[in-house]
Amino acid sequence: MPVRASSAQWKGDLKRGQGTMQLGSGAYEGSYSFLSRFETGQGTNPEELIAAAHAGCFSMAFSLFLGNAGFTPTHIDTTAKVHLDQVEGGFAITRIELITAAEVPGIDEVAFQEVAKAAKEGCPVSKALAGTEITLQAKLA
């Protein structure tokens, strides 16, 4: 399996400095700063990129798990909300909310929820972030 890499650069102190992050594939490059991470300034932040990675990984895992259960989804739409909070000793990602809606012909609600839960647990990004509370809201469209 390939090894994936991304990079980041930072210049200056924490509050006034600025940085850029690039995906190794070249598909994305963007700026980040104290304001974009801890307030609402222009640019991205590491948590937003984690959210995108988790939403993408979960959606693919859900498709795989649905296929293994004999169902083919028409579409899966997932949002991941990463919570960065101040805790004792600094900041931490304290929770991630996965919110997904999927159209899956022929599946009932019970099977849908079981497969969604299994996909959340089986998603490689969920596994990597296992030290963080991850919740799931799954809606069958």
Protein backbone atom coordinates (compact mmCIF):
# COMPACT_ATOMS: atom_id res chain seq x y z
CA MET A 1 0.00 0.00 0.00
CA PRO A 2 1.24 3.52 -0.72
CA VAL A 3 2.41 5.84 2.06
CA ARG A 4 0.65 9.21 1.97
CA ALA A 5 2.37 12.45 2.94
CA SER A 6 1.44 16.08 3.36
CA SER A 7 3.49 19.00 4.63
CA ALA A 8 3.18 22.26 6.51
CA GLN A 9 5.29 25.34 7.01
CA TRP A 10 4.96 27.94 9.77
CA LYS A 11 6.59 31.36 10.05
CA GLY A 12 6.49 33.55 13.13
CA ASP A 13 5.08 33.26 16.60
CA LEU A 14 1.83 31.49 17.44
CA LYS A 15 -0.56 34.44 17.44
CA ARG A 16 0.84 36.56 14.60
CA GLY A 17 2.48 33.86 12.51
CA GLN A 18 1.18 32.23 9.37
CA GLY A 19 1.59 28.93 7.65
CA THR A 20 0.68 26.87 4.64
CA MET A 21 -0.31 23.24 4.31
CA GLN A 22 -0.04 21.14 1.15
CA LEU A 23 -1.35 17.72 0.32
CA GLY A 24 1.31 15.45 -1.11
CA SER A 25 -0.82 14.84 -4.20
CA GLY A 26 -0.88 18.56 -4.97
CA ALA A 27 -4.69 18.58 -4.90
CA TYR A 28 -4.78 21.21 -2.14
CA GLU A 29 -2.58 23.97 -0.77
CA GLY A 30 -3.85 26.55 1.68
CA SER A 31 -2.94 29.00 4.37
CA TYR A 32 -3.60 28.71 8.08
CA SER A 33 -3.10 30.93 11.10
CA PHE A 34 -3.99 31.34 14.76
CA LEU A 35 -7.20 33.08 13.67
CA SER A 36 -8.23 30.34 11.22
CA ARG A 37 -7.61 27.68 13.85
CA PHE A 38 -8.84 29.16 17.11
CA GLU A 39 -11.26 31.84 15.88
CA THR A 40 -12.93 32.45 12.50
CA GLY A 41 -10.17 33.89 10.34
CA GLN A 42 -9.44 33.23 6.67
CA GLY A 43 -7.74 29.96 5.79
CA THR A 44 -7.95 26.38 6.88
CA ASN A 45 -6.75 24.51 9.97
CA PRO A 46 -5.63 21.00 10.89
CA GLU A 47 -9.02 20.09 12.37
CA GLU A 48 -10.84 21.00 9.16
CA LEU A 49 -8.48 18.73 7.21
CA ILE A 50 -9.02 15.92 9.75
CA ALA A 51 -12.78 16.40 9.31
CA ALA A 52 -12.47 16.11 5.51
CA ALA A 53 -10.32 12.99 5.84
CA HIS A 54 -12.73 11.39 8.29
CA ALA A 55 -15.84 12.20 6.22
CA GLY A 56 -14.21 10.80 3.09
CA CYS A 57 -12.88 7.69 4.79
CA PHE A 58 -16.19 6.93 6.52
CA SER A 59 -18.17 7.37 3.28
CA MET A 60 -15.91 4.92 1.46
CA ALA A 61 -15.97 2.44 4.36
CA PHE A 62 -19.76 2.68 4.56
CA SER A 63 -19.99 1.90 0.84
CA LEU A 64 -17.72 -1.12 1.33
CA PHE A 65 -19.64 -2.43 4.34
CA LEU A 66 -22.97 -1.92 2.56
CA GLY A 67 -21.63 -3.82 -0.45
CA ASN A 68 -20.42 -6.65 1.78
CA ALA A 69 -23.96 -6.82 3.22
CA GLY A 70 -25.43 -7.08 -0.28
CA PHE A 71 -26.54 -3.47 -0.77
CA THR A 72 -25.38 -0.83 -3.25
CA PRO A 73 -25.79 2.76 -2.09
CA THR A 74 -27.07 5.32 -4.58
CA HIS A 75 -25.24 8.04 -2.63
CA ILE A 76 -23.68 8.69 0.76
CA ASP A 77 -23.29 12.24 2.09
CA THR A 78 -21.17 12.62 5.24
CA THR A 79 -20.13 15.59 7.34
CA ALA A 80 -17.57 15.30 10.12
CA LYS A 81 -17.51 17.94 12.86
CA VAL A 82 -14.22 18.05 14.76
CA HIS A 83 -14.39 19.73 18.17
CA LEU A 84 -11.19 21.45 19.32
CA ASP A 85 -11.52 22.46 22.97
CA GLN A 86 -9.33 23.92 25.66
CA VAL A 87 -8.62 21.25 28.25
CA GLU A 88 -6.27 20.98 31.18
CA GLY A 89 -2.78 21.36 29.78
CA GLY A 90 -3.73 22.95 26.45
CA PHE A 91 -6.01 22.07 23.57
CA ALA A 92 -7.37 18.73 22.38
CA ILE A 93 -9.69 17.27 19.82
CA THR A 94 -12.38 16.15 22.24
CA ARG A 95 -15.05 14.80 19.93
CA ILE A 96 -15.89 14.10 16.32
CA GLU A 97 -19.46 13.95 15.11
CA LEU A 98 -20.07 11.94 11.95
CA ILE A 99 -23.37 12.87 10.33
CA THR A 100 -24.32 10.83 7.31
CA ALA A 101 -27.32 10.40 5.06
CA ALA A 102 -27.45 7.68 2.46
CA GLU A 103 -29.84 6.37 -0.11
CA VAL A 104 -29.61 2.58 -0.09
CA PRO A 105 -32.26 0.70 -2.06
CA GLY A 106 -33.68 -2.38 -0.35
CA ILE A 107 -32.19 -1.92 3.12
CA ASP A 108 -34.30 -1.57 6.27
CA GLU A 109 -33.56 0.85 9.12
CA VAL A 110 -32.16 -1.76 11.51
CA ALA A 111 -29.71 -3.19 8.97
CA PHE A 112 -28.77 0.35 7.87
CA GLN A 113 -27.87 1.40 11.41
CA GLU A 114 -25.90 -1.82 12.04
CA VAL A 115 -23.86 -1.38 8.87
CA ALA A 116 -23.30 2.33 9.61
CA LYS A 117 -21.97 1.49 13.09
CA ALA A 118 -19.70 -1.23 11.69
CA ALA A 119 -18.38 1.20 9.06
CA LYS A 120 -17.63 3.81 11.75
CA GLU A 121 -15.66 1.23 13.72
CA GLY A 122 -13.94 -0.17 10.61
CA CYS A 123 -12.98 3.13 8.98
CA PRO A 124 -9.15 3.49 9.11
CA VAL A 125 -9.40 7.15 10.12
CA SER A 126 -11.81 6.25 12.96
CA LYS A 127 -9.28 3.66 14.10
CA ALA A 128 -6.46 6.22 13.98
CA LEU A 129 -8.54 8.62 16.06
CA ALA A 130 -9.77 5.99 18.51
CA GLY A 131 -8.61 8.05 21.51
CA THR A 132 -11.30 10.62 20.65
CA GLU A 133 -15.04 10.19 21.20
CA ILE A 134 -16.64 9.61 17.80
CA THR A 135 -20.41 9.80 17.52
CA LEU A 136 -22.54 8.82 14.54
CA GLN A 137 -25.90 10.05 13.32
CA ALA A 138 -26.98 7.99 10.33
CA LYS A 139 -30.11 8.79 8.32
CA LEU A 140 -31.55 6.51 5.67
CA ALA A 141 -32.82 8.70 2.85
